[in-house]
Every structure is written in C-alpha cells, then in structure tokens.
Amino acid sequence: MKFLSNYQKGALYAITSGLCYSLLGYFGVTIMQAGSSVFNMLFWRFLISALFALIILIPKYKTILLSPKAILKVLISGMAFYGTSSIAFFMASVYIGTGLAMVIFFIYPAIVMIVNIVFYKAPFSKIYCVAFLIIIIGLTLLVDMQDFALDIIGVGLGIATAIFYAIYMVMSEKVEVHPILSTLMVSIGCMITCFISSLVDSSFSVPSGLNNWFNIIGIGLICTAVPILLLLQALKYIDAEKASTLSVLEPVFVLILGIILLDEKVTSTQILGTIIVLSGALMVLFHNVPKTKY
C-alpha cells in the first residue's frame, strides 16, 4: 500500500477491522445456541486467536520481543479491559438483545474522547461530537425497535462494555508494542479472564462437533485475531478517537452481510439508518486529513 498515505492506511485498517468484527454476533450466538456458556465460548475464541498470533509471531520473535514492561501492560490491558468488555457485551445481549447492546456499546468513541481530554489533555473536537450524535441516530434506525427489551442489568452491562473497551483503546494507543505481539498478549489476557470465569461458573467444556469447531475457529480468527491486529495497526497511523468512530461502520457491515449471507429483508428505515451512519463516519474520515503523503 505504498500509494496510500499513513492517514489513509490507518483509516483503511480501522474500517476493515470493523468489517471483520461484523460477524462476531453471528458466530457467538451460534456457539451459545449449541450449548456453550458466554465464558466458555469466549475462552475458546481467545485461545484460537492466541494460537494464530503465536504462529505469526514465531519467525519474528527476535525483533519483536523487546520490552517486557510494555508486554506486561498489554497483557493486563487484555485481562482487565478487552476480556471484561467481551464478557459484558454477550451478557448484555442475553438481557436486552444484541441490537440494543450494540447501540449502547457504540457510545465508546465518546468515552475515548472524554478519557483523552480529561487524562491526556487532548483538544476538544466539536466535529467528533456532531459525528457521534449523527451515528447514534443512525444506529437506532438500523435496529428493529420492536426487539428492544429494556432491562436495567442489561443496560448497565452495555455501558460497562463501552467503558472497558474505550479504556482498552486508549491504553493500546499509548503502549508501543508490535501489533502482532500485542494481539497475542491481549488474546492471552482475555483467555485467562474467560477461563477463570468459566471455572467459577462451572461451565467450562471442550466443544464437540465439526460445525461447532468451524464457528469457534471463525470467531477466533475472523472476529478476533485479525480485527485486533488491524485495529492496533490503525492506531500506529491515526488517533484513538478517529479509529473508534470509524469502527461504528460495523453495524452497516452486519446489515450488508445479513442481506448477502442470510437473505434478510431491509426496511426503508434501515436504509435511512445506513445512510446516516455513513454520513457520520465520513465526517470523521475527511476531518483534518493530512495533505502530505509520507
């Protein structure tokens, strides 16, 4: 991608990461419907992700394994924030459905902006606020309002998902670790969190059946290792606020994949929601674009 500027590379990585994440709900719900608990499903998800990252890492370990302190920070970040966020999201989906859980989750770009302003003295951006409000409006139109089920526990878990993921995003931007190594350590951290949770919940089990393993490998590779790697790569070129806001294209990809793979019908309201979400994302994409290629 030598013909792209660093900014364009970062935006492309962030958008592609959202595309990969768009199959997360499909794979996750399918695995849980086969009898797996949230904790058990997530353990196997992150185990597959860790193995994939390890295979890629082995040939490059001499140049990547440089800072034990930074590596430890990434591991702790994965355990405390990414893993917890993943657990909270799927638990929220059980209470309030994936639609409302998704809408609540995507308040995390605003939390990223607030954290950076409060703790890192980042400048306040009005354009991000406007784009964020536009995107939230679009997201609510994408989801079938008849499926909404308000539950205080589910809403609380959805908010927790957004908070934990936002903190993970900010920490990932601040720690200088190679994306492949970071993907491995985040996956291991999440795997530990989910394994302990599955033991406490007495729900740990080894998946059986070819179809079940197909879904586990799918969620581990397509919806975990690859998008984490792409997002971390994006953060090398663009800031966390822009990367997180561009990732809200994920529900649009979910809608498109539903049409292509599942022959789902799309309402005029969902089409309007798609246009609104795209408009908000484009506002962020073309705001303060560097003019010089390097």
Protein backbone atom coordinates (compact mmCIF):
# COMPACT_ATOMS: atom_id res chain seq x y z
CA MET A 1 0.00 0.00 0.00
CA LYS A 2 2.84 2.37 -0.84
CA PHE A 3 0.47 4.57 -2.83
CA LEU A 4 -1.51 5.40 0.32
CA SER A 5 -0.57 7.99 2.93
CA ASN A 6 -0.18 6.90 6.55
CA TYR A 7 -3.52 8.53 7.35
CA GLN A 8 -5.26 6.58 4.57
CA LYS A 9 -3.63 3.35 5.76
CA GLY A 10 -4.86 3.95 9.30
CA ALA A 11 -8.42 4.68 8.16
CA LEU A 12 -8.43 1.58 5.92
CA TYR A 13 -7.16 -0.63 8.74
CA ALA A 14 -9.84 0.72 11.14
CA ILE A 15 -12.68 0.24 8.64
CA THR A 16 -11.51 -3.28 7.72
CA SER A 17 -11.31 -4.13 11.41
CA GLY A 18 -14.98 -3.16 11.76
CA LEU A 19 -15.81 -5.36 8.77
CA CYS A 20 -14.22 -8.37 10.46
CA TYR A 21 -15.98 -7.67 13.77
CA SER A 22 -19.34 -7.61 11.98
CA LEU A 23 -19.58 -11.42 12.08
CA LEU A 24 -18.95 -11.55 15.83
CA GLY A 25 -22.62 -11.71 16.82
CA TYR A 26 -23.40 -14.41 14.26
CA PHE A 27 -20.60 -16.74 15.34
CA GLY A 28 -21.00 -16.01 19.06
CA VAL A 29 -24.76 -16.53 19.21
CA THR A 30 -24.48 -19.71 17.09
CA ILE A 31 -21.92 -21.18 19.51
CA MET A 32 -24.03 -20.30 22.55
CA GLN A 33 -27.13 -21.78 20.95
CA ALA A 34 -25.16 -25.03 20.65
CA GLY A 35 -24.94 -25.10 24.46
CA SER A 36 -21.80 -23.14 25.30
CA SER A 37 -21.82 -20.51 28.04
CA VAL A 38 -20.61 -16.95 27.39
CA PHE A 39 -17.42 -17.58 29.38
CA ASN A 40 -16.66 -20.91 27.72
CA MET A 41 -17.33 -19.58 24.22
CA LEU A 42 -15.05 -16.60 24.82
CA PHE A 43 -12.25 -18.79 26.25
CA TRP A 44 -12.09 -20.85 23.06
CA ARG A 45 -12.44 -17.70 20.96
CA PHE A 46 -9.36 -16.12 22.52
CA LEU A 47 -7.42 -19.40 22.57
CA ILE A 48 -7.76 -19.68 18.79
CA SER A 49 -6.79 -16.02 18.44
CA ALA A 50 -3.71 -16.50 20.63
CA LEU A 51 -2.56 -19.56 18.67
CA PHE A 52 -2.94 -17.67 15.38
CA ALA A 53 -0.94 -14.70 16.67
CA LEU A 54 1.73 -17.03 18.09
CA ILE A 55 2.21 -18.76 14.74
CA ILE A 56 2.73 -15.38 13.04
CA LEU A 57 4.99 -14.16 15.84
CA ILE A 58 7.47 -17.07 15.98
CA PRO A 59 9.50 -16.15 12.85
CA LYS A 60 9.79 -12.53 14.06
CA TYR A 61 10.29 -13.02 17.81
CA LYS A 62 13.89 -11.71 17.85
CA THR A 63 12.87 -8.28 16.58
CA ILE A 64 9.52 -8.05 18.41
CA LEU A 65 10.25 -9.21 21.97
CA LEU A 66 11.91 -6.02 23.19
CA SER A 67 10.13 -4.50 26.20
CA PRO A 68 8.93 -6.86 28.98
CA LYS A 69 7.33 -3.94 30.86
CA ALA A 70 5.29 -2.87 27.82
CA ILE A 71 4.33 -6.50 27.14
CA LEU A 72 3.06 -6.86 30.71
CA LYS A 73 0.94 -3.72 30.30
CA VAL A 74 -0.68 -5.17 27.17
CA LEU A 75 -1.36 -8.47 28.96
CA ILE A 76 -3.01 -6.69 31.89
CA SER A 77 -4.99 -4.49 29.48
CA GLY A 78 -6.29 -7.59 27.74
CA MET A 79 -7.27 -9.26 31.02
CA ALA A 80 -8.82 -6.24 32.70
CA PHE A 81 -10.46 -4.40 29.81
CA TYR A 82 -10.78 -6.24 26.47
CA GLY A 83 -11.76 -9.56 28.05
CA THR A 84 -14.15 -7.92 30.51
CA SER A 85 -15.68 -5.89 27.71
CA SER A 86 -16.29 -9.04 25.63
CA ILE A 87 -17.95 -10.82 28.56
CA ALA A 88 -20.12 -7.80 29.37
CA PHE A 89 -21.28 -7.45 25.74
CA PHE A 90 -22.54 -11.00 25.37
CA MET A 91 -24.11 -10.94 28.83
CA ALA A 92 -25.86 -7.68 27.91
CA SER A 93 -27.11 -9.34 24.72
CA VAL A 94 -28.77 -12.06 26.82
CA TYR A 95 -30.69 -9.42 28.82
CA ILE A 96 -31.56 -6.82 26.18
CA GLY A 97 -30.77 -8.39 22.81
CA THR A 98 -27.82 -7.79 20.50
CA GLY A 99 -29.44 -4.77 18.84
CA LEU A 100 -29.75 -2.58 21.91
CA ALA A 101 -26.46 -3.93 23.31
CA MET A 102 -24.76 -2.85 20.09
CA VAL A 103 -26.24 0.66 20.18
CA ILE A 104 -25.14 1.14 23.80
CA PHE A 105 -21.68 -0.27 23.06
CA PHE A 106 -21.08 2.31 20.34
CA ILE A 107 -21.07 5.15 22.83
CA TYR A 108 -17.46 4.10 23.42
CA PRO A 109 -15.98 6.60 20.90
CA ALA A 110 -17.37 9.39 23.09
CA ILE A 111 -15.81 7.77 26.17
CA VAL A 112 -12.47 7.55 24.35
CA MET A 113 -12.67 11.26 23.62
CA ILE A 114 -13.58 12.10 27.24
CA VAL A 115 -10.72 9.97 28.64
CA ASN A 116 -8.20 11.60 26.32
CA ILE A 117 -9.45 15.10 27.20
CA VAL A 118 -9.50 14.53 30.97
CA PHE A 119 -6.35 12.46 31.43
CA TYR A 120 -4.18 13.33 28.42
CA LYS A 121 -5.21 16.96 27.80
CA ALA A 122 -6.34 16.21 24.26
CA PRO A 123 -8.08 19.09 22.43
CA PHE A 124 -11.89 19.07 22.36
CA SER A 125 -13.24 18.31 18.87
CA LYS A 126 -16.72 19.59 18.02
CA ILE A 127 -16.76 17.66 14.74
CA TYR A 128 -16.35 14.36 16.59
CA CYS A 129 -19.27 15.23 18.89
CA VAL A 130 -21.54 16.10 15.95
CA ALA A 131 -20.49 12.97 14.04
CA PHE A 132 -21.04 10.82 17.13
CA LEU A 133 -24.60 12.12 17.63
CA ILE A 134 -25.37 11.54 13.94
CA ILE A 135 -24.03 7.98 14.15
CA ILE A 136 -26.08 7.15 17.27
CA ILE A 137 -29.24 8.33 15.48
CA GLY A 138 -28.35 6.12 12.52
CA LEU A 139 -27.65 3.11 14.74
CA THR A 140 -31.04 3.32 16.42
CA LEU A 141 -32.67 3.24 12.98
CA LEU A 142 -30.65 0.18 11.95
CA VAL A 143 -32.04 -1.89 14.82
CA ASP A 144 -35.61 -3.19 14.89
CA MET A 145 -37.23 -1.16 17.70
CA GLN A 146 -39.76 -3.97 18.28
CA ASP A 147 -36.92 -6.17 19.53
CA PHE A 148 -35.85 -3.68 22.19
CA ALA A 149 -36.13 -5.03 25.71
CA LEU A 150 -35.17 -2.54 28.40
CA ASP A 151 -33.56 -4.14 31.43
CA ILE A 152 -31.50 -2.19 33.93
CA ILE A 153 -28.95 -5.00 34.31
CA GLY A 154 -28.59 -5.37 30.54
CA VAL A 155 -28.25 -1.63 30.00
CA GLY A 156 -25.68 -1.47 32.80
CA LEU A 157 -23.68 -4.28 31.20
CA GLY A 158 -23.88 -2.49 27.84
CA ILE A 159 -22.48 0.70 29.37
CA ALA A 160 -19.75 -1.35 31.10
CA THR A 161 -18.87 -2.86 27.71
CA ALA A 162 -18.37 0.60 26.23
CA ILE A 163 -16.32 1.87 29.19
CA PHE A 164 -13.96 -1.12 29.32
CA TYR A 165 -13.43 -1.14 25.55
CA ALA A 166 -12.79 2.61 25.48
CA ILE A 167 -10.10 2.24 28.16
CA TYR A 168 -8.55 -0.61 26.16
CA MET A 169 -8.47 1.60 23.06
CA VAL A 170 -6.74 4.46 24.89
CA MET A 171 -4.20 2.14 26.52
CA SER A 172 -3.44 0.45 23.20
CA GLU A 173 -2.69 3.82 21.62
CA LYS A 174 -0.27 4.76 24.42
CA VAL A 175 1.73 1.49 24.60
CA GLU A 176 4.35 0.96 21.89
CA VAL A 177 4.30 -2.78 21.24
CA HIS A 178 4.35 -4.51 17.85
CA PRO A 179 0.74 -5.23 16.74
CA ILE A 180 1.38 -8.99 16.38
CA LEU A 181 2.82 -9.27 19.90
CA SER A 182 0.06 -7.05 21.26
CA THR A 183 -2.59 -9.26 19.62
CA LEU A 184 -1.01 -12.32 21.25
CA MET A 185 -0.83 -10.76 24.71
CA VAL A 186 -4.36 -9.32 24.54
CA SER A 187 -5.68 -12.73 23.47
CA ILE A 188 -3.82 -14.50 26.29
CA GLY A 189 -5.05 -11.94 28.82
CA CYS A 190 -8.66 -12.35 27.68
CA MET A 191 -8.25 -16.13 27.60
CA ILE A 192 -7.14 -16.14 31.25
CA THR A 193 -10.06 -13.93 32.31
CA CYS A 194 -12.61 -16.08 30.50
CA PHE A 195 -11.08 -19.37 31.68
CA ILE A 196 -11.26 -18.30 35.32
CA SER A 197 -14.83 -17.07 34.79
CA SER A 198 -15.86 -20.39 33.20
CA LEU A 199 -14.39 -22.31 36.14
CA VAL A 200 -16.21 -20.10 38.65
CA ASP A 201 -19.39 -20.54 36.61
CA SER A 202 -18.77 -24.32 36.32
CA SER A 203 -19.42 -24.05 32.58
CA PHE A 204 -16.02 -25.00 31.13
CA SER A 205 -16.24 -27.71 28.46
CA VAL A 206 -14.47 -28.85 25.30
CA PRO A 207 -16.53 -28.16 22.15
CA SER A 208 -17.70 -31.15 20.14
CA GLY A 209 -18.83 -31.43 16.55
CA LEU A 210 -17.28 -30.18 13.32
CA ASN A 211 -19.80 -27.36 12.89
CA ASN A 212 -19.14 -26.08 16.41
CA TRP A 213 -15.40 -26.02 15.81
CA PHE A 214 -15.94 -24.24 12.49
CA ASN A 215 -17.78 -21.45 14.33
CA ILE A 216 -15.14 -21.30 17.08
CA ILE A 217 -12.32 -21.02 14.55
CA GLY A 218 -14.34 -18.40 12.68
CA ILE A 219 -14.89 -16.24 15.77
CA GLY A 220 -11.28 -16.74 16.88
CA LEU A 221 -9.68 -15.79 13.56
CA ILE A 222 -12.08 -13.63 11.57
CA CYS A 223 -13.70 -11.81 14.51
CA THR A 224 -10.81 -11.63 16.98
CA ALA A 225 -7.18 -12.08 15.89
CA VAL A 226 -7.48 -10.34 12.52
CA PRO A 227 -9.58 -7.31 13.65
CA ILE A 228 -7.42 -6.79 16.79
CA LEU A 229 -4.32 -6.84 14.61
CA LEU A 230 -5.87 -4.44 12.10
CA LEU A 231 -7.08 -2.04 14.80
CA LEU A 232 -3.67 -1.95 16.50
CA GLN A 233 -2.10 -1.33 13.11
CA ALA A 234 -4.56 1.53 12.56
CA LEU A 235 -3.54 3.13 15.87
CA LYS A 236 0.00 3.47 14.52
CA TYR A 237 -1.29 5.97 11.96
CA ILE A 238 -4.45 7.63 13.35
CA ASP A 239 -5.60 8.60 16.84
CA ALA A 240 -7.94 6.53 19.01
CA GLU A 241 -10.88 8.94 18.58
CA LYS A 242 -10.84 8.65 14.80
CA ALA A 243 -10.22 4.89 14.81
CA SER A 244 -13.03 4.23 17.29
CA THR A 245 -15.51 6.41 15.40
CA LEU A 246 -14.71 4.75 12.07
CA SER A 247 -15.31 1.36 13.68
CA VAL A 248 -19.02 2.18 14.02
CA LEU A 249 -19.34 1.13 10.39
CA GLU A 250 -19.53 -2.39 11.84
CA PRO A 251 -23.38 -2.41 12.11
CA VAL A 252 -23.58 -1.33 8.46
CA PHE A 253 -21.44 -4.32 7.53
CA VAL A 254 -23.68 -6.53 9.70
CA LEU A 255 -26.70 -5.36 7.72
CA ILE A 256 -24.97 -5.90 4.37
CA LEU A 257 -23.73 -9.38 5.32
CA GLY A 258 -27.22 -10.26 6.55
CA ILE A 259 -28.58 -9.42 3.10
CA ILE A 260 -25.84 -11.35 1.27
CA LEU A 261 -25.48 -14.42 3.51
CA LEU A 262 -28.89 -14.79 5.14
CA ASP A 263 -31.17 -13.23 2.50
CA GLU A 264 -32.54 -10.82 5.11
CA LYS A 265 -35.03 -8.13 4.14
CA VAL A 266 -34.10 -4.48 4.63
CA THR A 267 -36.63 -1.82 5.56
CA SER A 268 -36.61 1.76 4.35
CA THR A 269 -35.84 2.82 7.94
CA GLN A 270 -32.70 0.65 7.97
CA ILE A 271 -31.61 2.11 4.64
CA LEU A 272 -32.01 5.60 6.11
CA GLY A 273 -30.06 4.49 9.20
CA THR A 274 -27.25 3.18 6.99
CA ILE A 275 -27.03 6.48 5.12
CA ILE A 276 -26.93 8.43 8.40
CA VAL A 277 -24.22 6.20 9.93
CA LEU A 278 -22.13 6.50 6.76
CA SER A 279 -22.56 10.28 6.82
CA GLY A 280 -21.27 10.49 10.39
CA ALA A 281 -18.32 8.22 9.62
CA LEU A 282 -17.44 10.23 6.51
CA MET A 283 -17.42 13.43 8.58
CA VAL A 284 -14.74 11.88 10.77
CA LEU A 285 -12.86 10.34 7.86
CA PHE A 286 -12.43 13.62 5.99
CA HIS A 287 -11.85 15.83 9.05
CA ASN A 288 -8.27 17.13 9.33
CA VAL A 289 -6.93 14.87 6.58
CA PRO A 290 -3.15 15.32 6.22
CA LYS A 291 -2.35 16.66 2.76
CA THR A 292 1.16 15.28 2.52
CA LYS A 293 1.89 11.67 1.70
CA TYR A 294 4.78 10.11 3.59
